[in-house]
Protein backbone atom coordinates (compact mmCIF):
# COMPACT_ATOMS: atom_id res chain seq x y z
CA MET A 1 -4.08 -54.29 14.26
CA VAL A 2 -3.52 -53.83 17.82
CA SER A 3 -1.19 -50.90 18.65
CA GLY A 4 2.86 -51.55 19.58
CA HIS A 5 2.45 -54.60 16.49
CA ILE A 6 4.05 -54.12 13.43
CA ALA A 7 1.83 -52.94 10.72
CA ASP A 8 4.03 -50.43 8.77
CA PHE A 9 6.27 -52.32 6.48
CA SER A 10 8.26 -50.04 5.89
CA GLN A 11 9.25 -49.44 9.75
CA ASN A 12 12.44 -50.58 11.45
CA TYR A 13 11.85 -53.46 13.56
CA GLU A 14 12.99 -52.58 16.96
CA VAL A 15 13.54 -55.33 20.08
CA GLY A 16 10.46 -56.04 21.56
CA GLU A 17 7.71 -55.67 18.96
CA SER A 18 5.55 -58.17 18.43
CA VAL A 19 4.97 -60.13 15.28
CA PHE A 20 1.66 -62.71 14.45
CA ILE A 21 3.37 -65.63 12.28
CA GLU A 22 0.32 -68.46 11.60
CA ASN A 23 -1.67 -67.02 14.61
CA LYS A 24 1.17 -67.41 17.20
CA GLU A 25 2.55 -64.03 18.13
CA TRP A 26 6.20 -64.13 18.31
CA VAL A 27 8.63 -61.10 20.04
CA ILE A 28 11.46 -59.69 18.48
CA ALA A 29 14.88 -60.97 20.33
CA GLU A 30 17.41 -59.61 18.91
CA ILE A 31 18.80 -58.12 15.54
CA LEU A 32 21.56 -59.06 14.29
CA THR A 33 23.24 -57.70 10.90
CA GLU A 34 22.18 -60.56 9.13
CA CYS A 35 19.40 -62.15 10.48
CA ILE A 36 16.18 -61.33 13.26
CA ILE A 37 15.98 -63.22 15.63
CA LEU A 38 12.35 -64.29 16.92
CA GLN A 39 11.27 -65.60 20.43
CA ARG A 40 8.05 -67.13 21.81
CA ASP A 41 7.24 -68.93 25.02
CA SER A 42 4.90 -71.82 24.58
CA VAL A 43 2.08 -72.99 26.50
CA ASP A 44 4.30 -75.91 28.10
CA GLY A 45 6.76 -73.11 29.27
CA THR A 46 9.54 -73.92 26.40
CA SER A 47 10.71 -71.60 24.68
CA GLN A 48 11.18 -71.28 21.01
CA THR A 49 13.42 -69.03 18.47
CA ILE A 50 13.49 -68.47 14.59
CA ASP A 51 16.21 -66.72 12.69
CA ILE A 52 14.99 -64.83 9.98
CA SER A 53 15.87 -62.32 7.39
CA GLU A 54 14.42 -58.53 7.66
CA SER A 55 12.71 -58.91 3.99
CA GLY A 56 11.93 -62.64 4.69
CA LEU A 57 9.78 -61.40 7.77
CA GLN A 58 8.32 -58.48 6.26
CA GLU A 59 7.12 -61.00 3.72
CA LEU A 60 5.90 -62.90 6.48
CA VAL A 61 3.82 -59.76 8.10
CA LYS A 62 2.64 -58.68 4.80
CA GLU A 63 1.14 -61.94 4.17
CA VAL A 64 -0.55 -62.36 7.67
CA GLN A 65 -1.96 -58.58 7.23
CA HIS A 66 -3.54 -59.38 3.90
CA LYS A 67 -5.08 -62.46 5.45
CA PHE A 68 -6.11 -60.22 8.50
CA GLU A 69 -7.91 -57.67 5.77
CA ASN A 70 -9.90 -60.01 4.13
């Protein structure tokens, strides 16, 4: 994967890191006690956010990494 993108599932997430979910780049915007907020800007200029648990994010990143390797 590209440098600066999360590939090590054991590492701690940091604000500003990028993750790819369903072929879209999301940036970690905020890390809260119970969830991680991901943000992305659409082509039309609108901003989208999603809230996800750390374990949920790890699963999605792991799934994308598996697809990337195969």
